[in-house]
């Protein structure tokens, strides 16, 4: 593989990470063996693990993430939207299955993202 510069390399890594994240979320949402509450718990724990991994990462890894956030704010915004959309879908599943009380799933997902 060849990248013209570090910006292109970081963007490629970002896109790969995002694709893996989306695949993991889709697999979780599609797992019919789990109820909505258990899916929500696993979703939250996966997010916690992701944040914890960042916190424990070597300084250089955090430097790369900081660079990514600075150079590609649109990617960060897209990831935030993906997170909210997945969480809203989870909430809607729970509402449809009677596990969660009816609520504005999109607004609840947005508020939860902002709180984290």
Protein backbone atom coordinates (compact mmCIF):
# COMPACT_ATOMS: atom_id res chain seq x y z
CA UNK A 1 0.00 0.00 0.00
CA UNK A 2 1.13 3.52 -0.72
CA UNK A 3 -0.23 6.76 0.61
CA UNK A 4 0.73 10.15 -0.74
CA UNK A 5 0.94 11.62 2.76
CA UNK A 6 -0.04 11.01 6.37
CA UNK A 7 -3.38 12.74 5.82
CA UNK A 8 -4.37 10.12 3.23
CA UNK A 9 -3.15 7.32 5.51
CA UNK A 10 -5.15 8.60 8.48
CA UNK A 11 -8.26 8.98 6.34
CA UNK A 12 -7.92 5.41 5.05
CA UNK A 13 -7.53 4.08 8.60
CA UNK A 14 -10.55 6.12 9.65
CA UNK A 15 -12.69 4.67 6.89
CA UNK A 16 -11.58 1.12 7.76
CA UNK A 17 -12.36 1.66 11.45
CA UNK A 18 -15.75 3.12 10.60
CA UNK A 19 -16.59 0.15 8.35
CA UNK A 20 -15.67 -2.26 11.17
CA UNK A 21 -17.76 -0.27 13.64
CA UNK A 22 -20.76 -0.29 11.29
CA UNK A 23 -20.43 -4.05 10.72
CA UNK A 24 -20.30 -4.69 14.47
CA UNK A 25 -23.35 -2.53 15.09
CA UNK A 26 -25.31 -4.15 12.27
CA UNK A 27 -24.47 -7.61 13.61
CA UNK A 28 -25.66 -6.61 17.06
CA UNK A 29 -28.89 -5.10 15.73
CA UNK A 30 -29.55 -8.20 13.62
CA UNK A 31 -29.00 -10.67 16.48
CA UNK A 32 -32.54 -11.95 16.97
CA UNK A 33 -31.45 -14.09 19.93
CA UNK A 34 -31.14 -10.95 22.05
CA UNK A 35 -33.86 -8.74 23.40
CA UNK A 36 -33.65 -4.99 22.96
CA UNK A 37 -32.48 -4.40 26.52
CA UNK A 38 -29.60 -6.84 26.13
CA UNK A 39 -28.68 -5.32 22.76
CA UNK A 40 -28.68 -1.88 24.34
CA UNK A 41 -26.47 -3.12 27.17
CA UNK A 42 -24.00 -4.68 24.73
CA UNK A 43 -24.03 -1.53 22.59
CA UNK A 44 -23.24 0.61 25.65
CA UNK A 45 -20.50 -1.75 26.84
CA UNK A 46 -18.90 -1.77 23.40
CA UNK A 47 -18.87 2.04 23.42
CA UNK A 48 -17.36 2.04 26.89
CA UNK A 49 -14.68 -0.43 25.75
CA UNK A 50 -13.89 1.76 22.74
CA UNK A 51 -13.46 4.84 24.92
CA UNK A 52 -11.43 2.88 27.48
CA UNK A 53 -9.13 1.55 24.74
CA UNK A 54 -8.52 5.12 23.60
CA UNK A 55 -7.81 6.23 27.15
CA UNK A 56 -5.24 3.45 27.59
CA UNK A 57 -3.68 3.84 24.15
CA UNK A 58 -0.07 4.95 23.82
CA UNK A 59 0.50 8.67 23.38
CA UNK A 60 1.26 8.29 19.68
CA UNK A 61 -2.09 6.60 19.09
CA UNK A 62 -3.89 9.43 20.83
CA UNK A 63 -1.85 11.90 18.74
CA UNK A 64 -3.12 10.20 15.57
CA UNK A 65 -6.73 10.41 16.83
CA UNK A 66 -6.25 14.08 17.69
CA UNK A 67 -4.85 14.69 14.21
CA UNK A 68 -7.82 12.85 12.69
CA UNK A 69 -10.31 14.90 14.72
CA UNK A 70 -8.61 18.12 13.64
CA UNK A 71 -8.18 17.26 9.96
CA UNK A 72 -11.44 15.40 9.37
CA UNK A 73 -14.22 16.96 11.45
CA UNK A 74 -16.73 15.71 8.88
CA UNK A 75 -15.69 12.12 9.65
CA UNK A 76 -16.23 12.72 13.37
CA UNK A 77 -19.65 14.22 12.66
CA UNK A 78 -20.53 11.21 10.48
CA UNK A 79 -19.51 8.83 13.26
CA UNK A 80 -21.66 10.78 15.71
CA UNK A 81 -24.60 10.50 13.32
CA UNK A 82 -23.97 6.75 12.90
CA UNK A 83 -23.90 6.32 16.68
CA UNK A 84 -27.15 8.23 17.10
CA UNK A 85 -28.86 6.35 14.27
CA UNK A 86 -27.85 2.95 15.67
CA UNK A 87 -28.95 3.92 19.16
CA UNK A 88 -32.28 5.24 17.85
CA UNK A 89 -32.83 1.97 15.97
CA UNK A 90 -32.13 0.04 19.17
CA UNK A 91 -34.59 2.18 21.10
CA UNK A 92 -37.26 1.77 18.42
CA UNK A 93 -36.77 -2.01 18.53
CA UNK A 94 -37.26 -1.94 22.28
CA UNK A 95 -40.38 0.21 21.96
CA UNK A 96 -41.82 -2.11 19.29
CA UNK A 97 -41.12 -5.16 21.46
CA UNK A 98 -42.64 -3.52 24.53
CA UNK A 99 -39.34 -3.50 26.44
CA UNK A 100 -38.97 0.29 26.44
CA UNK A 101 -41.52 3.02 27.01
CA UNK A 102 -42.49 5.02 23.94
CA UNK A 103 -40.28 8.05 23.47
CA UNK A 104 -38.74 10.16 20.73
CA UNK A 105 -35.97 7.70 19.91
CA UNK A 106 -33.95 10.09 17.75
CA UNK A 107 -33.95 12.84 20.38
CA UNK A 108 -33.14 10.37 23.16
CA UNK A 109 -30.24 8.99 21.12
CA UNK A 110 -28.95 12.53 20.50
CA UNK A 111 -29.15 13.40 24.19
CA UNK A 112 -27.33 10.19 25.17
CA UNK A 113 -24.58 10.89 22.65
CA UNK A 114 -24.16 14.41 23.97
CA UNK A 115 -23.98 13.07 27.51
CA UNK A 116 -21.09 10.75 26.67
